[in-house]
Amino acid sequence: MKELIKKWKERYKDAKRAVKAKPHILLMCILIASVMTVGTTLAWFVVSERKVNKLTTPPDQTFRIKVLDIFEEPPTPPGKGDSFAKTVGAVNVGDKRGLVRVMLLPVFESDDGTLLPASFGDQLIFTINESNWLYGGDGYYYYLHILEPGQDTNTLGRNLFTQVTLSEDLGDEYIDATLRIEVKCEAVDLKQDNYRVAWWGSASVPSDTTLQSIDAILAGFVA
């Protein structure tokens, strides 16, 4: 656990440096939802940690887009193959429009501190709302709309997903393990090419075909 916390702190320091290096990026929130496995069922507790960096430009406007993460302990602890409600999206609490992408990092840690395989599609399963989000193949899910001030994806019915399922193939090594789903949200303003430079490192159209499909949509939103 100490090693995991150390790695997380290093990631946060890297994120802070990235924000300073690219001031038009807003790295808004990181939320951690935790689950502890007991025996063959899951007993639940929730921990949240928020790291917020605000970008104000111009002085009378605030650019602030946050992770939307809704999770409540289910009445009956789920087991292998069962699903639980967890909603992930974004909310614009500032007064500037923005584009959004989200990264998910599941972490399974055994009771002795060993990190176990954890990935969506294998140990964890969820269904992406592909009408409103696309996976870029770079670890991020891209929101295919402008997020206007005061909007949130939950009210709009555009969350990334609303349910997670535990694989039926989880082995005994996952008993008494802790699951953390780390959610990172990044947002960028609508100035020309800002999202390309901030997210892909160049003002040019990306060479990757998947990102090209996403770029074709986002390019229609910027001025």
Protein backbone atom coordinates (compact mmCIF):
# COMPACT_ATOMS: atom_id res chain seq x y z
CA MET A 1 0.00 0.00 0.00
CA LYS A 2 2.84 2.42 0.83
CA GLU A 3 4.41 1.74 -2.55
CA LEU A 4 1.06 2.38 -4.30
CA ILE A 5 0.62 5.68 -2.46
CA LYS A 6 4.18 6.66 -3.40
CA LYS A 7 3.48 5.94 -7.08
CA TRP A 8 0.26 7.94 -6.91
CA LYS A 9 2.05 10.95 -5.42
CA GLU A 10 4.62 10.75 -8.22
CA ARG A 11 1.82 10.72 -10.79
CA TYR A 12 0.23 13.78 -9.21
CA LYS A 13 3.55 15.66 -9.27
CA ASP A 14 3.89 14.81 -12.97
CA ALA A 15 0.36 16.09 -13.57
CA LYS A 16 1.14 19.37 -11.82
CA ARG A 17 4.23 19.82 -13.99
CA ALA A 18 2.15 19.11 -17.11
CA VAL A 19 -0.37 21.76 -16.17
CA LYS A 20 2.39 24.33 -15.65
CA ALA A 21 4.00 23.41 -18.97
CA LYS A 22 0.72 23.60 -20.89
CA PRO A 23 -1.45 26.25 -19.23
CA HIS A 24 -4.37 25.73 -21.58
CA ILE A 25 -4.85 22.20 -20.22
CA LEU A 26 -6.96 21.78 -17.12
CA LEU A 27 -6.29 18.62 -15.17
CA MET A 28 -9.32 18.77 -12.95
CA CYS A 29 -10.01 15.82 -10.73
CA ILE A 30 -8.88 12.42 -9.66
CA LEU A 31 -11.39 10.27 -7.78
CA ILE A 32 -10.67 6.91 -6.23
CA ALA A 33 -13.46 4.43 -5.51
CA SER A 34 -12.29 1.50 -3.38
CA VAL A 35 -13.67 -1.97 -2.85
CA MET A 36 -12.44 -4.61 -0.40
CA THR A 37 -13.01 -8.30 -1.08
CA VAL A 38 -13.90 -10.51 1.88
CA GLY A 39 -14.23 -14.26 1.35
CA THR A 40 -16.20 -14.94 -1.81
CA THR A 41 -18.22 -11.70 -1.69
CA LEU A 42 -17.35 -8.03 -1.71
CA ALA A 43 -17.73 -5.66 1.24
CA TRP A 44 -17.72 -2.02 0.26
CA PHE A 45 -16.20 1.23 1.36
CA VAL A 46 -15.61 4.42 -0.60
CA VAL A 47 -12.70 6.84 -0.52
CA SER A 48 -12.52 10.00 -2.59
CA GLU A 49 -9.52 12.22 -3.23
CA ARG A 50 -9.87 15.38 -5.28
CA LYS A 51 -6.98 17.32 -6.81
CA VAL A 52 -8.19 20.48 -8.52
CA ASN A 53 -6.22 22.99 -10.56
CA LYS A 54 -8.13 26.07 -11.72
CA LEU A 55 -7.29 28.00 -14.85
CA THR A 56 -8.72 31.50 -15.03
CA THR A 57 -8.53 33.21 -18.40
CA PRO A 58 -9.61 35.92 -18.84
CA PRO A 59 -9.76 37.21 -15.23
CA ASP A 60 -13.56 37.37 -15.13
CA GLN A 61 -14.05 33.77 -16.26
CA THR A 62 -13.24 30.43 -14.62
CA PHE A 63 -12.47 27.27 -16.59
CA ARG A 64 -13.33 24.40 -14.31
CA ILE A 65 -14.48 20.96 -15.41
CA LYS A 66 -14.56 18.12 -12.90
CA VAL A 67 -14.93 14.37 -12.82
CA LEU A 68 -18.46 13.18 -12.20
CA ASP A 69 -18.26 9.97 -10.19
CA ILE A 70 -21.41 8.54 -8.59
CA PHE A 71 -21.11 5.46 -6.42
CA GLU A 72 -23.26 4.11 -3.62
CA GLU A 73 -22.73 0.95 -1.63
CA PRO A 74 -25.11 -1.73 -2.94
CA PRO A 75 -27.52 -3.29 -0.43
CA THR A 76 -26.08 -6.76 -1.06
CA PRO A 77 -22.32 -7.24 -1.61
CA PRO A 78 -21.79 -8.53 -5.18
CA GLY A 79 -19.65 -11.53 -6.02
CA LYS A 80 -17.96 -12.84 -9.15
CA GLY A 81 -20.04 -12.13 -12.24
CA ASP A 82 -22.20 -9.59 -10.45
CA SER A 83 -22.61 -5.94 -11.42
CA PHE A 84 -22.61 -2.80 -9.33
CA ALA A 85 -23.68 0.74 -10.16
CA LYS A 86 -20.92 3.23 -10.77
CA THR A 87 -21.39 6.31 -12.94
CA VAL A 88 -18.47 8.13 -14.53
CA GLY A 89 -18.69 11.32 -16.56
CA ALA A 90 -17.87 15.02 -16.25
CA VAL A 91 -19.46 18.25 -15.01
CA ASN A 92 -18.71 21.85 -15.99
CA VAL A 93 -18.79 23.98 -12.84
CA GLY A 94 -17.05 26.95 -14.46
CA ASP A 95 -18.25 29.51 -16.97
CA LYS A 96 -16.23 28.52 -20.04
CA ARG A 97 -17.04 25.82 -22.59
CA GLY A 98 -14.65 22.90 -22.87
CA LEU A 99 -13.70 19.58 -24.44
CA VAL A 100 -13.21 16.59 -22.16
CA ARG A 101 -11.41 13.28 -22.03
CA VAL A 102 -11.30 10.71 -19.20
CA MET A 103 -8.79 8.02 -18.24
CA LEU A 104 -9.60 5.01 -16.06
CA LEU A 105 -7.03 3.00 -14.14
CA PRO A 106 -8.25 -0.04 -12.17
CA VAL A 107 -5.86 -1.35 -9.52
CA PHE A 108 -6.24 -4.66 -7.68
CA GLU A 109 -3.95 -5.09 -4.66
CA SER A 110 -3.82 -8.34 -2.68
CA ASP A 111 -3.86 -8.32 1.10
CA ASP A 112 -0.05 -8.74 1.12
CA GLY A 113 0.48 -5.70 -1.12
CA THR A 114 0.97 -7.56 -4.40
CA LEU A 115 -0.51 -5.87 -7.47
CA LEU A 116 -2.78 -8.23 -9.40
CA PRO A 117 -3.85 -8.02 -13.05
CA ALA A 118 -6.58 -5.41 -13.41
CA SER A 119 -8.04 -4.26 -16.69
CA PHE A 120 -11.39 -3.43 -18.22
CA GLY A 121 -12.48 -6.22 -20.49
CA ASP A 122 -10.75 -8.90 -18.42
CA GLN A 123 -11.18 -8.61 -14.64
CA LEU A 124 -13.71 -5.77 -14.93
CA ILE A 125 -16.34 -5.20 -17.60
CA PHE A 126 -18.29 -2.09 -18.51
CA THR A 127 -20.20 -0.92 -21.57
CA ILE A 128 -19.10 2.40 -23.07
CA ASN A 129 -21.76 4.87 -24.14
CA GLU A 130 -20.39 4.93 -27.69
CA SER A 131 -22.98 7.43 -28.88
CA ASN A 132 -21.27 10.07 -26.75
CA TRP A 133 -17.74 8.78 -26.03
CA LEU A 134 -15.03 7.09 -28.10
CA TYR A 135 -11.92 5.28 -26.92
CA GLY A 136 -8.81 6.76 -28.51
CA GLY A 137 -6.53 3.76 -28.04
CA ASP A 138 -4.24 5.99 -25.97
CA GLY A 139 -5.82 5.25 -22.59
CA TYR A 140 -8.41 8.03 -22.86
CA TYR A 141 -12.13 8.12 -23.60
CA TYR A 142 -13.12 11.26 -25.50
CA TYR A 143 -16.42 13.10 -24.99
CA LEU A 144 -17.91 13.81 -28.40
CA HIS A 145 -19.65 17.07 -27.47
CA ILE A 146 -18.85 20.47 -26.04
CA LEU A 147 -19.49 20.53 -22.29
CA GLU A 148 -21.24 23.84 -21.73
CA PRO A 149 -21.11 25.79 -18.43
CA GLY A 150 -23.55 24.24 -15.96
CA GLN A 151 -23.86 20.99 -17.90
CA ASP A 152 -23.11 17.53 -16.56
CA THR A 153 -23.13 14.27 -18.46
CA ASN A 154 -25.45 12.63 -15.93
CA THR A 155 -28.30 15.08 -16.49
CA LEU A 156 -27.74 14.85 -20.24
CA GLY A 157 -27.76 11.05 -20.20
CA ARG A 158 -24.26 11.02 -21.67
CA ASN A 159 -22.15 9.34 -18.98
CA LEU A 160 -19.21 7.20 -20.03
CA PHE A 161 -20.78 4.24 -18.24
CA THR A 162 -23.17 3.56 -15.36
CA GLN A 163 -22.31 -0.01 -14.36
CA VAL A 164 -19.28 -2.22 -13.76
CA THR A 165 -19.31 -6.03 -13.72
CA LEU A 166 -16.84 -8.28 -11.93
CA SER A 167 -15.55 -11.08 -14.14
CA GLU A 168 -16.75 -14.57 -13.37
CA ASP A 169 -13.18 -15.75 -13.95
CA LEU A 170 -11.59 -13.94 -10.98
CA GLY A 171 -9.28 -16.42 -9.23
CA ASP A 172 -8.78 -17.10 -5.54
CA GLU A 173 -5.87 -14.66 -5.51
CA TYR A 174 -8.44 -11.85 -5.63
CA ILE A 175 -10.01 -12.88 -2.31
CA ASP A 176 -9.28 -10.21 0.34
CA ALA A 177 -7.86 -7.92 -2.38
CA THR A 178 -8.63 -4.22 -2.65
CA LEU A 179 -9.93 -2.70 -5.87
CA ARG A 180 -9.39 0.95 -6.72
CA ILE A 181 -10.73 2.58 -9.85
CA GLU A 182 -8.79 5.78 -10.45
CA VAL A 183 -10.55 8.28 -12.70
CA LYS A 184 -8.70 11.19 -14.29
CA CYS A 185 -10.47 13.94 -16.20
CA GLU A 186 -8.72 16.42 -18.50
CA ALA A 187 -10.38 19.38 -20.16
CA VAL A 188 -9.22 22.00 -22.64
CA ASP A 189 -10.77 25.19 -23.98
CA LEU A 190 -12.12 25.64 -27.50
CA LYS A 191 -9.35 27.75 -28.98
CA GLN A 192 -8.07 26.54 -32.34
CA ASP A 193 -5.78 23.47 -32.12
CA ASN A 194 -5.51 23.68 -28.31
CA TYR A 195 -6.87 20.16 -27.83
CA ARG A 196 -4.44 18.73 -30.40
CA VAL A 197 -1.40 20.36 -28.81
CA ALA A 198 -2.52 19.63 -25.26
CA TRP A 199 -3.58 16.04 -25.80
CA TRP A 200 -1.54 14.80 -28.77
CA GLY A 201 1.49 17.09 -28.76
CA SER A 202 1.02 18.67 -32.19
CA ALA A 203 -1.31 21.09 -33.96
CA SER A 204 -1.45 18.68 -36.90
CA VAL A 205 -4.14 16.07 -37.48
CA PRO A 206 -2.99 12.87 -35.72
CA SER A 207 -1.66 10.02 -37.84
CA ASP A 208 -3.50 7.35 -35.84
CA THR A 209 -6.75 6.44 -37.59
CA THR A 210 -8.76 6.11 -34.36
CA LEU A 211 -7.66 9.55 -33.17
CA GLN A 212 -8.41 10.92 -36.66
CA SER A 213 -12.04 9.86 -36.21
CA ILE A 214 -12.18 11.67 -32.87
CA ASP A 215 -10.34 14.69 -34.27
CA ALA A 216 -12.85 15.02 -37.11
CA ILE A 217 -15.60 15.50 -34.53
CA LEU A 218 -13.71 17.79 -32.14
CA ALA A 219 -12.39 19.98 -34.95
CA GLY A 220 -15.95 21.02 -35.73
CA PHE A 221 -16.27 22.59 -32.26
CA VAL A 222 -13.24 24.89 -32.17
CA ALA A 223 -12.91 28.43 -33.46
